[in-house]
């Protein structure tokens, strides 16, 4: 998933801090709260053969919310209400556009400055 967004090219180690900040502030929230993933359902045939079908799409946060007692897995300073507010503060499309904009800005900072 990360290579899909960042690419397979070499990124110098001096950019590691900026890349880490991008992951924490933009990519991770987008993936966890706004990007749906296929949820497998395993069907077993009469002969015992198992097959996965993907009938449902949900974000990792939606799947987390469905777990019984999910709030006990959160850090002490974070609540489900705060996470719900974070999800509702942007639509999925707005979050994707903001992440893409931040990614463009990040990659532009990797380019050497050209002098005239």
PDB file of N, CA and C in Angstrom:
ATOM      1  N   UNK A   1       0.830  -1.179   0.000  1.00  0.00           N
ATOM      2  CA  UNK A   1       0.000   0.000   0.000  1.00  0.00           C
ATOM      3  C   UNK A   1       0.877   1.245   0.000  1.00  0.00           C
ATOM      4  N   UNK A   2       1.945   1.256   0.785  1.00  0.00           N
ATOM      5  CA  UNK A   2       2.799   2.433   0.846  1.00  0.00           C
ATOM      6  C   UNK A   2       3.526   2.617  -0.474  1.00  0.00           C
ATOM      7  N   UNK A   3       4.052   1.541  -1.049  1.00  0.00           N
ATOM      8  CA  UNK A   3       4.761   1.649  -2.317  1.00  0.00           C
ATOM      9  C   UNK A   3       3.836   2.128  -3.433  1.00  0.00           C
ATOM     10  N   UNK A   4       2.561   1.827  -3.334  1.00  0.00           N
ATOM     11  CA  UNK A   4       1.616   2.308  -4.332  1.00  0.00           C
ATOM     12  C   UNK A   4       1.588   3.833  -4.325  1.00  0.00           C
ATOM     13  N   UNK A   5       1.650   4.424  -3.153  1.00  0.00           N
ATOM     14  CA  UNK A   5       1.577   5.881  -3.039  1.00  0.00           C
ATOM     15  C   UNK A   5       2.940   6.556  -3.174  1.00  0.00           C
ATOM     16  N   UNK A   6       3.966   5.957  -2.631  1.00  0.00           N
ATOM     17  CA  UNK A   6       5.286   6.588  -2.616  1.00  0.00           C
ATOM     18  C   UNK A   6       6.095   6.203  -3.848  1.00  0.00           C
ATOM     19  N   UNK A   7       5.894   5.009  -4.381  1.00  0.00           N
ATOM     20  CA  UNK A   7       6.637   4.559  -5.541  1.00  0.00           C
ATOM     21  C   UNK A   7       7.808   3.681  -5.131  1.00  0.00           C
ATOM     22  N   UNK A   8       8.519   3.182  -6.123  1.00  0.00           N
ATOM     23  CA  UNK A   8       9.613   2.252  -5.876  1.00  0.00           C
ATOM     24  C   UNK A   8      10.977   2.898  -6.032  1.00  0.00           C
ATOM     25  N   UNK A   9      11.003   4.173  -6.360  1.00  0.00           N
ATOM     26  CA  UNK A   9      12.274   4.859  -6.565  1.00  0.00           C
ATOM     27  C   UNK A   9      13.009   5.102  -5.255  1.00  0.00           C
ATOM     28  N   UNK A  10      14.283   5.433  -5.397  1.00  0.00           N
ATOM     29  CA  UNK A  10      15.134   5.705  -4.233  1.00  0.00           C
ATOM     30  C   UNK A  10      14.794   7.064  -3.646  1.00  0.00           C
ATOM     31  N   UNK A  11      14.693   7.111  -2.333  1.00  0.00           N
ATOM     32  CA  UNK A  11      14.501   8.365  -1.605  1.00  0.00           C
ATOM     33  C   UNK A  11      15.643   8.458  -0.612  1.00  0.00           C
ATOM     34  N   UNK A  12      16.398   9.524  -0.691  1.00  0.00           N
ATOM     35  CA  UNK A  12      17.577   9.700   0.145  1.00  0.00           C
ATOM     36  C   UNK A  12      17.195   9.729   1.629  1.00  0.00           C
ATOM     37  N   UNK A  13      18.095   9.255   2.461  1.00  0.00           N
ATOM     38  CA  UNK A  13      17.854   9.170   3.909  1.00  0.00           C
ATOM     39  C   UNK A  13      17.618  10.525   4.546  1.00  0.00           C
ATOM     40  N   UNK A  14      18.125  11.589   3.939  1.00  0.00           N
ATOM     41  CA  UNK A  14      17.921  12.914   4.531  1.00  0.00           C
ATOM     42  C   UNK A  14      16.452  13.343   4.478  1.00  0.00           C
ATOM     43  N   UNK A  15      15.643  12.647   3.697  1.00  0.00           N
ATOM     44  CA  UNK A  15      14.214  12.958   3.604  1.00  0.00           C
ATOM     45  C   UNK A  15      13.363  12.062   4.507  1.00  0.00           C
ATOM     46  N   UNK A  16      13.995  11.216   5.293  1.00  0.00           N
ATOM     47  CA  UNK A  16      13.263  10.240   6.114  1.00  0.00           C
ATOM     48  C   UNK A  16      12.323  10.918   7.102  1.00  0.00           C
ATOM     49  N   UNK A  17      12.762  11.989   7.726  1.00  0.00           N
ATOM     50  CA  UNK A  17      11.919  12.664   8.718  1.00  0.00           C
ATOM     51  C   UNK A  17      10.676  13.265   8.063  1.00  0.00           C
ATOM     52  N   UNK A  18      10.843  13.897   6.913  1.00  0.00           N
ATOM     53  CA  UNK A  18       9.704  14.476   6.199  1.00  0.00           C
ATOM     54  C   UNK A  18       8.745  13.380   5.737  1.00  0.00           C
ATOM     55  N   UNK A  19       9.285  12.263   5.278  1.00  0.00           N
ATOM     56  CA  UNK A  19       8.456  11.145   4.837  1.00  0.00           C
ATOM     57  C   UNK A  19       7.680  10.543   6.009  1.00  0.00           C
ATOM     58  N   UNK A  20       8.345  10.404   7.147  1.00  0.00           N
ATOM     59  CA  UNK A  20       7.684   9.889   8.344  1.00  0.00           C
ATOM     60  C   UNK A  20       6.558  10.822   8.786  1.00  0.00           C
ATOM     61  N   UNK A  21       6.798  12.128   8.736  1.00  0.00           N
ATOM     62  CA  UNK A  21       5.772  13.111   9.107  1.00  0.00           C
ATOM     63  C   UNK A  21       4.573  13.002   8.155  1.00  0.00           C
ATOM     64  N   UNK A  22       4.845  12.830   6.848  1.00  0.00           N
ATOM     65  CA  UNK A  22       3.759  12.655   5.880  1.00  0.00           C
ATOM     66  C   UNK A  22       2.929  11.419   6.205  1.00  0.00           C
ATOM     67  N   UNK A  23       3.605  10.309   6.536  1.00  0.00           N
ATOM     68  CA  UNK A  23       2.876   9.080   6.881  1.00  0.00           C
ATOM     69  C   UNK A  23       1.996   9.297   8.102  1.00  0.00           C
ATOM     70  N   UNK A  24       2.535   9.899   9.139  1.00  0.00           N
ATOM     71  CA  UNK A  24       1.780  10.086  10.388  1.00  0.00           C
ATOM     72  C   UNK A  24       0.628  11.073  10.243  1.00  0.00           C
ATOM     73  N   UNK A  25       0.859  12.168   9.529  1.00  0.00           N
ATOM     74  CA  UNK A  25      -0.135  13.244   9.471  1.00  0.00           C
ATOM     75  C   UNK A  25      -1.146  13.085   8.346  1.00  0.00           C
ATOM     76  N   UNK A  26      -0.775  12.402   7.252  1.00  0.00           N
ATOM     77  CA  UNK A  26      -1.656  12.370   6.093  1.00  0.00           C
ATOM     78  C   UNK A  26      -2.015  10.961   5.631  1.00  0.00           C
ATOM     79  N   UNK A  27      -1.000  10.126   5.354  1.00  0.00           N
ATOM     80  CA  UNK A  27      -1.292   8.811   4.769  1.00  0.00           C
ATOM     81  C   UNK A  27      -2.011   7.881   5.744  1.00  0.00           C
ATOM     82  N   UNK A  28      -1.507   7.749   6.958  1.00  0.00           N
ATOM     83  CA  UNK A  28      -2.131   6.838   7.929  1.00  0.00           C
ATOM     84  C   UNK A  28      -3.571   7.224   8.259  1.00  0.00           C
ATOM     85  N   UNK A  29      -3.866   8.506   8.553  1.00  0.00           N
ATOM     86  CA  UNK A  29      -5.278   8.853   8.800  1.00  0.00           C
ATOM     87  C   UNK A  29      -6.163   8.584   7.584  1.00  0.00           C
ATOM     88  N   UNK A  30      -5.655   8.858   6.387  1.00  0.00           N
ATOM     89  CA  UNK A  30      -6.449   8.584   5.186  1.00  0.00           C
ATOM     90  C   UNK A  30      -6.756   7.092   5.065  1.00  0.00           C
ATOM     91  N   UNK A  31      -5.740   6.261   5.217  1.00  0.00           N
ATOM     92  CA  UNK A  31      -5.933   4.812   5.071  1.00  0.00           C
ATOM     93  C   UNK A  31      -6.842   4.270   6.165  1.00  0.00           C
ATOM     94  N   UNK A  32      -6.652   4.683   7.400  1.00  0.00           N
ATOM     95  CA  UNK A  32      -7.408   4.118   8.514  1.00  0.00           C
ATOM     96  C   UNK A  32      -8.844   4.621   8.610  1.00  0.00           C
ATOM     97  N   UNK A  33      -9.098   5.858   8.186  1.00  0.00           N
ATOM     98  CA  UNK A  33     -10.425   6.440   8.401  1.00  0.00           C
ATOM     99  C   UNK A  33     -11.234   6.675   7.126  1.00  0.00           C
ATOM    100  N   UNK A  34     -10.593   6.686   5.956  1.00  0.00           N
ATOM    101  CA  UNK A  34     -11.325   7.075   4.755  1.00  0.00           C
ATOM    102  C   UNK A  34     -11.199   6.117   3.573  1.00  0.00           C
ATOM    103  N   UNK A  35     -10.213   5.238   3.560  1.00  0.00           N
ATOM    104  CA  UNK A  35     -10.012   4.357   2.406  1.00  0.00           C
ATOM    105  C   UNK A  35     -10.603   2.981   2.694  1.00  0.00           C
ATOM    106  N   UNK A  36     -11.690   2.620   2.007  1.00  0.00           N
ATOM    107  CA  UNK A  36     -12.298   1.318   2.272  1.00  0.00           C
ATOM    108  C   UNK A  36     -11.456   0.162   1.730  1.00  0.00           C
ATOM    109  N   UNK A  37     -11.546  -0.951   2.426  1.00  0.00           N
ATOM    110  CA  UNK A  37     -10.851  -2.176   2.048  1.00  0.00           C
ATOM    111  C   UNK A  37     -11.898  -3.282   1.892  1.00  0.00           C
ATOM    112  N   UNK A  38     -11.606  -4.249   1.041  1.00  0.00           N
ATOM    113  CA  UNK A  38     -12.509  -5.376   0.873  1.00  0.00           C
ATOM    114  C   UNK A  38     -12.419  -6.279   2.095  1.00  0.00           C
ATOM    115  N   UNK A  39     -13.567  -6.719   2.588  1.00  0.00           N
ATOM    116  CA  UNK A  39     -13.628  -7.583   3.767  1.00  0.00           C
ATOM    117  C   UNK A  39     -14.013  -8.986   3.293  1.00  0.00           C
ATOM    118  N   UNK A  40     -13.135  -9.980   3.505  1.00  0.00           N
ATOM    119  CA  UNK A  40     -13.435 -11.312   2.973  1.00  0.00           C
ATOM    120  C   UNK A  40     -14.473 -12.054   3.809  1.00  0.00           C
ATOM    121  N   UNK A  41     -15.262 -12.844   3.118  1.00  0.00           N
ATOM    122  CA  UNK A  41     -16.175 -13.787   3.768  1.00  0.00           C
ATOM    123  C   UNK A  41     -15.771 -15.148   3.226  1.00  0.00           C
ATOM    124  N   UNK A  42     -15.494 -16.093   4.111  1.00  0.00           N
ATOM    125  CA  UNK A  42     -15.017 -17.404   3.687  1.00  0.00           C
ATOM    126  C   UNK A  42     -16.209 -18.351   3.584  1.00  0.00           C
ATOM    127  N   UNK A  43     -16.386 -18.885   2.389  1.00  0.00           N
ATOM    128  CA  UNK A  43     -17.460 -19.851   2.151  1.00  0.00           C
ATOM    129  C   UNK A  43     -16.825 -21.227   2.005  1.00  0.00           C
ATOM    130  N   UNK A  44     -17.417 -22.216   2.687  1.00  0.00           N
ATOM    131  CA  UNK A  44     -16.907 -23.585   2.614  1.00  0.00           C
ATOM    132  C   UNK A  44     -17.896 -24.433   1.830  1.00  0.00           C
ATOM    133  N   UNK A  45     -17.403 -25.067   0.776  1.00  0.00           N
ATOM    134  CA  UNK A  45     -18.248 -25.935  -0.045  1.00  0.00           C
ATOM    135  C   UNK A  45     -18.443 -27.275   0.666  1.00  0.00           C
ATOM    136  N   UNK A  46     -19.338 -28.088   0.149  1.00  0.00           N
ATOM    137  CA  UNK A  46     -19.638 -29.390   0.751  1.00  0.00           C
ATOM    138  C   UNK A  46     -18.409 -30.290   0.768  1.00  0.00           C
ATOM    139  N   UNK A  47     -17.514 -30.145  -0.203  1.00  0.00           N
ATOM    140  CA  UNK A  47     -16.323 -30.987  -0.254  1.00  0.00           C
ATOM    141  C   UNK A  47     -15.198 -30.455   0.640  1.00  0.00           C
ATOM    142  N   UNK A  48     -15.442 -29.366   1.346  1.00  0.00           N
ATOM    143  CA  UNK A  48     -14.463 -28.817   2.273  1.00  0.00           C
ATOM    144  C   UNK A  48     -13.587 -27.718   1.686  1.00  0.00           C
ATOM    145  N   UNK A  49     -13.729 -27.467   0.404  1.00  0.00           N
ATOM    146  CA  UNK A  49     -12.930 -26.419  -0.227  1.00  0.00           C
ATOM    147  C   UNK A  49     -13.430 -25.044   0.234  1.00  0.00           C
ATOM    148  N   UNK A  50     -12.459 -24.218   0.621  1.00  0.00           N
ATOM    149  CA  UNK A  50     -12.809 -22.874   1.118  1.00  0.00           C
ATOM    150  C   UNK A  50     -12.548 -21.844   0.037  1.00  0.00           C
ATOM    151  N   UNK A  51     -13.441 -20.861  -0.037  1.00  0.00           N
ATOM    152  CA  UNK A  51     -13.339 -19.819  -1.052  1.00  0.00           C
ATOM    153  C   UNK A  51     -13.659 -18.489  -0.407  1.00  0.00           C
ATOM    154  N   UNK A  52     -12.894 -17.476  -0.775  1.00  0.00           N
ATOM    155  CA  UNK A  52     -13.128 -16.131  -0.245  1.00  0.00           C
ATOM    156  C   UNK A  52     -13.946 -15.331  -1.246  1.00  0.00           C
ATOM    157  N   UNK A  53     -14.972 -14.669  -0.730  1.00  0.00           N
ATOM    158  CA  UNK A  53     -15.744 -13.735  -1.550  1.00  0.00           C
ATOM    159  C   UNK A  53     -15.720 -12.390  -0.831  1.00  0.00           C
ATOM    160  N   UNK A  54     -15.728 -11.335  -1.602  1.00  0.00           N
ATOM    161  CA  UNK A  54     -15.635  -9.986  -1.047  1.00  0.00           C
ATOM    162  C   UNK A  54     -16.919  -9.243  -1.377  1.00  0.00           C
ATOM    163  N   UNK A  55     -17.845  -9.274  -0.437  1.00  0.00           N
ATOM    164  CA  UNK A  55     -19.152  -8.663  -0.638  1.00  0.00           C
ATOM    165  C   UNK A  55     -19.259  -7.317   0.069  1.00  0.00           C
ATOM    166  N   UNK A  56     -18.340  -7.037   0.964  1.00  0.00           N
ATOM    167  CA  UNK A  56     -18.454  -5.849   1.809  1.00  0.00           C
ATOM    168  C   UNK A  56     -17.161  -5.044   1.743  1.00  0.00           C
ATOM    169  N   UNK A  57     -17.314  -3.750   1.778  1.00  0.00           N
ATOM    170  CA  UNK A  57     -16.176  -2.829   1.837  1.00  0.00           C
ATOM    171  C   UNK A  57     -16.330  -1.961   3.068  1.00  0.00           C
ATOM    172  N   UNK A  58     -15.246  -1.785   3.816  1.00  0.00           N
ATOM    173  CA  UNK A  58     -15.284  -0.969   5.030  1.00  0.00           C
ATOM    174  C   UNK A  58     -13.884  -0.423   5.313  1.00  0.00           C
ATOM    175  N   UNK A  59     -13.833   0.672   6.039  1.00  0.00           N
ATOM    176  CA  UNK A  59     -12.534   1.219   6.442  1.00  0.00           C
ATOM    177  C   UNK A  59     -12.035   0.431   7.654  1.00  0.00           C
ATOM    178  N   UNK A  60     -10.727   0.448   7.903  1.00  0.00           N
ATOM    179  CA  UNK A  60     -10.220  -0.222   9.105  1.00  0.00           C
ATOM    180  C   UNK A  60     -10.872   0.313  10.389  1.00  0.00           C
ATOM    181  N   UNK A  61     -11.181   1.604  10.442  1.00  0.00           N
ATOM    182  CA  UNK A  61     -11.826   2.156  11.630  1.00  0.00           C
ATOM    183  C   UNK A  61     -13.241   1.603  11.805  1.00  0.00           C
ATOM    184  N   UNK A  62     -13.983   1.444  10.713  1.00  0.00           N
ATOM    185  CA  UNK A  62     -15.324   0.865  10.809  1.00  0.00           C
ATOM    186  C   UNK A  62     -15.261  -0.569  11.332  1.00  0.00           C
ATOM    187  N   UNK A  63     -14.270  -1.321  10.884  1.00  0.00           N
ATOM    188  CA  UNK A  63     -14.105  -2.694  11.369  1.00  0.00           C
ATOM    189  C   UNK A  63     -13.700  -2.704  12.842  1.00  0.00           C
ATOM    190  N   UNK A  64     -12.846  -1.760  13.227  1.00  0.00           N
ATOM    191  CA  UNK A  64     -12.436  -1.638  14.631  1.00  0.00           C
ATOM    192  C   UNK A  64     -13.641  -1.321  15.511  1.00  0.00           C
ATOM    193  N   UNK A  65     -14.510  -0.403  15.054  1.00  0.00           N
ATOM    194  CA  UNK A  65     -15.696  -0.020  15.835  1.00  0.00           C
ATOM    195  C   UNK A  65     -16.620  -1.206  16.089  1.00  0.00           C
ATOM    196  N   UNK A  66     -16.629  -2.175  15.190  1.00  0.00           N
ATOM    197  CA  UNK A  66     -17.519  -3.332  15.328  1.00  0.00           C
ATOM    198  C   UNK A  66     -17.035  -4.342  16.359  1.00  0.00           C
ATOM    199  N   UNK A  67     -15.775  -4.235  16.761  1.00  0.00           N
ATOM    200  CA  UNK A  67     -15.241  -5.159  17.768  1.00  0.00           C
ATOM    201  C   UNK A  67     -15.884  -4.863  19.120  1.00  0.00           C
ATOM    202  N   UNK A  68     -16.310  -5.890  19.848  1.00  0.00           N
ATOM    203  CA  UNK A  68     -16.847  -5.631  21.184  1.00  0.00           C
ATOM    204  C   UNK A  68     -15.740  -5.129  22.106  1.00  0.00           C
ATOM    205  N   UNK A  69     -16.025  -4.069  22.849  1.00  0.00           N
ATOM    206  CA  UNK A  69     -15.052  -3.505  23.777  1.00  0.00           C
ATOM    207  C   UNK A  69     -13.866  -2.857  23.091  1.00  0.00           C
ATOM    208  N   UNK A  70     -14.097  -2.294  21.912  1.00  0.00           N
ATOM    209  CA  UNK A  70     -12.986  -1.729  21.143  1.00  0.00           C
ATOM    210  C   UNK A  70     -12.326  -0.553  21.862  1.00  0.00           C
ATOM    211  N   UNK A  71     -13.061   0.149  22.689  1.00  0.00           N
ATOM    212  CA  UNK A  71     -12.496   1.329  23.361  1.00  0.00           C
ATOM    213  C   UNK A  71     -11.388   0.967  24.343  1.00  0.00           C
ATOM    214  N   UNK A  72     -11.336  -0.270  24.811  1.00  0.00           N
ATOM    215  CA  UNK A  72     -10.267  -0.646  25.743  1.00  0.00           C
ATOM    216  C   UNK A  72      -8.919  -0.817  25.045  1.00  0.00           C
ATOM    217  N   UNK A  73      -8.920  -0.869  23.697  1.00  0.00           N
ATOM    218  CA  UNK A  73      -7.680  -0.994  22.942  1.00  0.00           C
ATOM    219  C   UNK A  73      -7.069   0.361  22.572  1.00  0.00           C
ATOM    220  N   UNK A  74      -7.782   1.433  22.878  1.00  0.00           N
ATOM    221  CA  UNK A  74      -7.281   2.776  22.564  1.00  0.00           C
ATOM    222  C   UNK A  74      -6.289   3.254  23.610  1.00  0.00           C
ATOM    223  N   UNK A  75      -5.431   4.175  23.220  1.00  0.00           N
ATOM    224  CA  UNK A  75      -4.526   4.810  24.181  1.00  0.00           C
ATOM    225  C   UNK A  75      -5.363   5.580  25.193  1.00  0.00           C
ATOM    226  N   UNK A  76      -4.865   5.744  26.415  1.00  0.00           N
ATOM    227  CA  UNK A  76      -5.668   6.398  27.455  1.00  0.00           C
ATOM    228  C   UNK A  76      -6.138   7.813  27.105  1.00  0.00           C
ATOM    229  N   UNK A  77      -5.339   8.566  26.341  1.00  0.00           N
ATOM    230  CA  UNK A  77      -5.704   9.949  26.045  1.00  0.00           C
ATOM    231  C   UNK A  77      -6.621  10.082  24.825  1.00  0.00           C
ATOM    232  N   UNK A  78      -6.981   8.972  24.174  1.00  0.00           N
ATOM    233  CA  UNK A  78      -7.820   9.010  22.967  1.00  0.00           C
ATOM    234  C   UNK A  78      -9.160   8.348  23.265  1.00  0.00           C
ATOM    235  N   UNK A  79     -10.238   8.967  22.780  1.00  0.00           N
ATOM    236  CA  UNK A  79     -11.575   8.402  22.960  1.00  0.00           C
ATOM    237  C   UNK A  79     -12.203   8.105  21.602  1.00  0.00           C
ATOM    238  N   UNK A  80     -13.219   7.262  21.605  1.00  0.00           N
ATOM    239  CA  UNK A  80     -13.938   6.962  20.370  1.00  0.00           C
ATOM    240  C   UNK A  80     -14.638   8.204  19.832  1.00  0.00           C
ATOM    241  N   UNK A  81     -15.104   9.068  20.730  1.00  0.00           N
ATOM    242  CA  UNK A  81     -15.770  10.301  20.294  1.00  0.00           C
ATOM    243  C   UNK A  81     -14.802  11.186  19.509  1.00  0.00           C
ATOM    244  N   UNK A  82     -13.555  11.282  19.965  1.00  0.00           N
ATOM    245  CA  UNK A  82     -12.558  12.075  19.241  1.00  0.00           C
ATOM    246  C   UNK A  82     -12.286  11.478  17.862  1.00  0.00           C
ATOM    247  N   UNK A  83     -12.190  10.160  17.794  1.00  0.00           N
ATOM    248  CA  UNK A  83     -11.952   9.500  16.512  1.00  0.00           C
ATOM    249  C   UNK A  83     -13.144   9.678  15.575  1.00  0.00           C
ATOM    250  N   UNK A  84     -14.360   9.578  16.117  1.00  0.00           N
ATOM    251  CA  UNK A  84     -15.554   9.816  15.303  1.00  0.00           C
ATOM    252  C   UNK A  84     -15.563  11.231  14.752  1.00  0.00           C
ATOM    253  N   UNK A  85     -15.164  12.190  15.586  1.00  0.00           N
ATOM    254  CA  UNK A  85     -15.108  13.585  15.148  1.00  0.00           C
ATOM    255  C   UNK A  85     -14.079  13.742  14.023  1.00  0.00           C
ATOM    256  N   UNK A  86     -12.944  13.065  14.146  1.00  0.00           N
ATOM    257  CA  UNK A  86     -11.906  13.121  13.116  1.00  0.00           C
ATOM    258  C   UNK A  86     -12.432  12.568  11.790  1.00  0.00           C
ATOM    259  N   UNK A  87     -13.181  11.485  11.855  1.00  0.00           N
ATOM    260  CA  UNK A  87     -13.734  10.870  10.645  1.00  0.00           C
ATOM    261  C   UNK A  87     -14.725  11.813   9.978  1.00  0.00           C
ATOM    262  N   UNK A  88     -15.569  12.438  10.766  1.00  0.00           N
ATOM    263  CA  UNK A  88     -16.629  13.289  10.216  1.00  0.00           C
ATOM    264  C   UNK A  88     -16.138  14.675   9.811  1.00  0.00           C
ATOM    265  N   UNK A  89     -14.919  15.036  10.192  1.00  0.00           N
ATOM    266  CA  UNK A  89     -14.421  16.372   9.870  1.00  0.00           C
ATOM    267  C   UNK A  89     -14.132  16.531   8.374  1.00  0.00           C
ATOM    268  N   UNK A  90     -13.903  15.434   7.652  1.00  0.00           N
ATOM    269  CA  UNK A  90     -13.659  15.462   6.216  1.00  0.00           C
ATOM    270  C   UNK A  90     -14.418  14.335   5.544  1.00  0.00           C
ATOM    271  N   UNK A  91     -14.862  14.587   4.325  1.00  0.00           N
ATOM    272  CA  UNK A  91     -15.440  13.486   3.555  1.00  0.00           C
ATOM    273  C   UNK A  91     -14.282  12.627   3.041  1.00  0.00           C
ATOM    274  N   UNK A  92     -14.604  11.454   2.526  1.00  0.00           N
ATOM    275  CA  UNK A  92     -13.567  10.571   1.994  1.00  0.00           C
ATOM    276  C   UNK A  92     -12.828  11.241   0.834  1.00  0.00           C
ATOM    277  N   UNK A  93     -13.567  11.927  -0.010  1.00  0.00           N
ATOM    278  CA  UNK A  93     -12.955  12.603  -1.157  1.00  0.00           C
ATOM    279  C   UNK A  93     -12.066  13.754  -0.695  1.00  0.00           C
ATOM    280  N   UNK A  94     -12.527  14.537   0.263  1.00  0.00           N
ATOM    281  CA  UNK A  94     -11.711  15.641   0.780  1.00  0.00           C
ATOM    282  C   UNK A  94     -10.423  15.123   1.406  1.00  0.00           C
ATOM    283  N   UNK A  95     -10.511  14.023   2.134  1.00  0.00           N
ATOM    284  CA  UNK A  95      -9.318  13.439   2.757  1.00  0.00           C
ATOM    285  C   UNK A  95      -8.336  12.944   1.696  1.00  0.00           C
ATOM    286  N   UNK A  96      -8.846  12.325   0.633  1.00  0.00           N
ATOM    287  CA  UNK A  96      -7.978  11.843  -0.445  1.00  0.00           C
ATOM    288  C   UNK A  96      -7.294  13.007  -1.149  1.00  0.00           C
ATOM    289  N   UNK A  97      -8.035  14.073  -1.412  1.00  0.00           N
ATOM    290  CA  UNK A  97      -7.447  15.234  -2.078  1.00  0.00           C
ATOM    291  C   UNK A  97      -6.404  15.906  -1.195  1.00  0.00           C
ATOM    292  N   UNK A  98      -6.668  16.001   0.101  1.00  0.00           N
ATOM    293  CA  UNK A  98      -5.702  16.596   1.030  1.00  0.00           C
ATOM    294  C   UNK A  98      -4.433  15.749   1.108  1.00  0.00           C
ATOM    295  N   UNK A  99      -4.595  14.434   1.130  1.00  0.00           N
ATOM    296  CA  UNK A  99      -3.429  13.543   1.177  1.00  0.00           C
ATOM    297  C   UNK A  99      -2.617  13.665  -0.105  1.00  0.00           C
ATOM    298  N   UNK A 100      -3.274  13.702  -1.255  1.00  0.00           N
ATOM    299  CA  UNK A 100      -2.574  13.836  -2.527  1.00  0.00           C
ATOM    300  C   UNK A 100      -1.843  15.180  -2.624  1.00  0.00           C
ATOM    301  N   UNK A 101      -2.466  16.217  -2.134  1.00  0.00           N
ATOM    302  CA  UNK A 101      -1.836  17.537  -2.134  1.00  0.00           C
ATOM    303  C   UNK A 101      -0.587  17.541  -1.254  1.00  0.00           C
ATOM    304  N   UNK A 102      -0.689  16.948  -0.083  1.00  0.00           N
ATOM    305  CA  UNK A 102       0.464  16.861   0.819  1.00  0.00           C
ATOM    306  C   UNK A 102       1.572  16.008   0.197  1.00  0.00           C
ATOM    307  N   UNK A 103       1.192  14.964  -0.518  1.00  0.00           N
ATOM    308  CA  UNK A 103       2.185  14.105  -1.171  1.00  0.00           C
ATOM    309  C   UNK A 103       2.916  14.875  -2.276  1.00  0.00           C
ATOM    310  N   UNK A 104       2.168  15.658  -3.076  1.00  0.00           N
ATOM    311  CA  UNK A 104       2.813  16.463  -4.107  1.00  0.00           C
ATOM    312  C   UNK A 104       3.797  17.449  -3.499  1.00  0.00           C
ATOM    313  N   UNK A 105       3.379  18.103  -2.431  1.00  0.00           N
ATOM    314  CA  UNK A 105       4.244  19.070  -1.755  1.00  0.00           C
ATOM    315  C   UNK A 105       5.494  18.377  -1.205  1.00  0.00           C
ATOM    316  N   UNK A 106       5.333  17.181  -0.644  1.00  0.00           N
ATOM    317  CA  UNK A 106       6.456  16.420  -0.113  1.00  0.00           C
ATOM    318  C   UNK A 106       7.451  16.083  -1.221  1.00  0.00           C
ATOM    319  N   UNK A 107       6.958  15.564  -2.349  1.00  0.00           N
ATOM    320  CA  UNK A 107       7.858  15.169  -3.421  1.00  0.00           C
ATOM    321  C   UNK A 107       8.516  16.372  -4.094  1.00  0.00           C
ATOM    322  N   UNK A 108       7.833  17.512  -4.101  1.00  0.00           N
ATOM    323  CA  UNK A 108       8.465  18.720  -4.630  1.00  0.00           C
ATOM    324  C   UNK A 108       9.626  19.157  -3.739  1.00  0.00           C
ATOM    325  N   UNK A 109       9.518  18.890  -2.436  1.00  0.00           N
ATOM    326  CA  UNK A 109      10.604  19.260  -1.527  1.00  0.00           C
ATOM    327  C   UNK A 109      11.826  18.366  -1.730  1.00  0.00           C
ATOM    328  N   UNK A 110      11.661  17.195  -2.363  1.00  0.00           N
ATOM    329  CA  UNK A 110      12.780  16.297  -2.639  1.00  0.00           C
ATOM    330  C   UNK A 110      13.604  16.771  -3.832  1.00  0.00           C
ATOM    331  N   UNK A 111      12.985  17.572  -4.706  1.00  0.00           N
ATOM    332  CA  UNK A 111      13.655  18.017  -5.915  1.00  0.00           C
ATOM    333  C   UNK A 111      14.730  19.060  -5.571  1.00  0.00           C
ATOM    334  N   UNK A 112      15.876  18.982  -6.232  1.00  0.00           N
ATOM    335  CA  UNK A 112      16.901  19.995  -5.977  1.00  0.00           C
ATOM    336  C   UNK A 112      16.434  21.362  -6.454  1.00  0.00           C
ATOM    337  N   UNK A 113      16.807  22.383  -5.728  1.00  0.00           N
ATOM    338  CA  UNK A 113      16.424  23.751  -6.088  1.00  0.00           C
ATOM    339  C   UNK A 113      17.193  24.159  -7.340  1.00  0.00           C
ATOM    340  N   UNK A 114      16.475  24.682  -8.322  1.00  0.00           N
ATOM    341  CA  UNK A 114      17.109  25.104  -9.575  1.00  0.00           C
ATOM    342  C   UNK A 114      17.377  26.601  -9.510  1.00  0.00           C
ATOM    343  N   UNK A 115      18.508  26.971  -9.971  1.00  0.00           N
ATOM    344  CA  UNK A 115      18.857  28.383 -10.034  1.00  0.00           C
ATOM    345  C   UNK A 115      18.810  28.837 -11.478  1.00  0.00           C
ATOM    346  N   UNK A 116      18.453  30.060 -11.682  1.00  0.00           N
ATOM    347  CA  UNK A 116      18.297  30.581 -13.042  1.00  0.00           C
ATOM    348  C   UNK A 116      19.591  31.009 -13.662  1.00  0.00           C
TER     349      UNK A 116
END
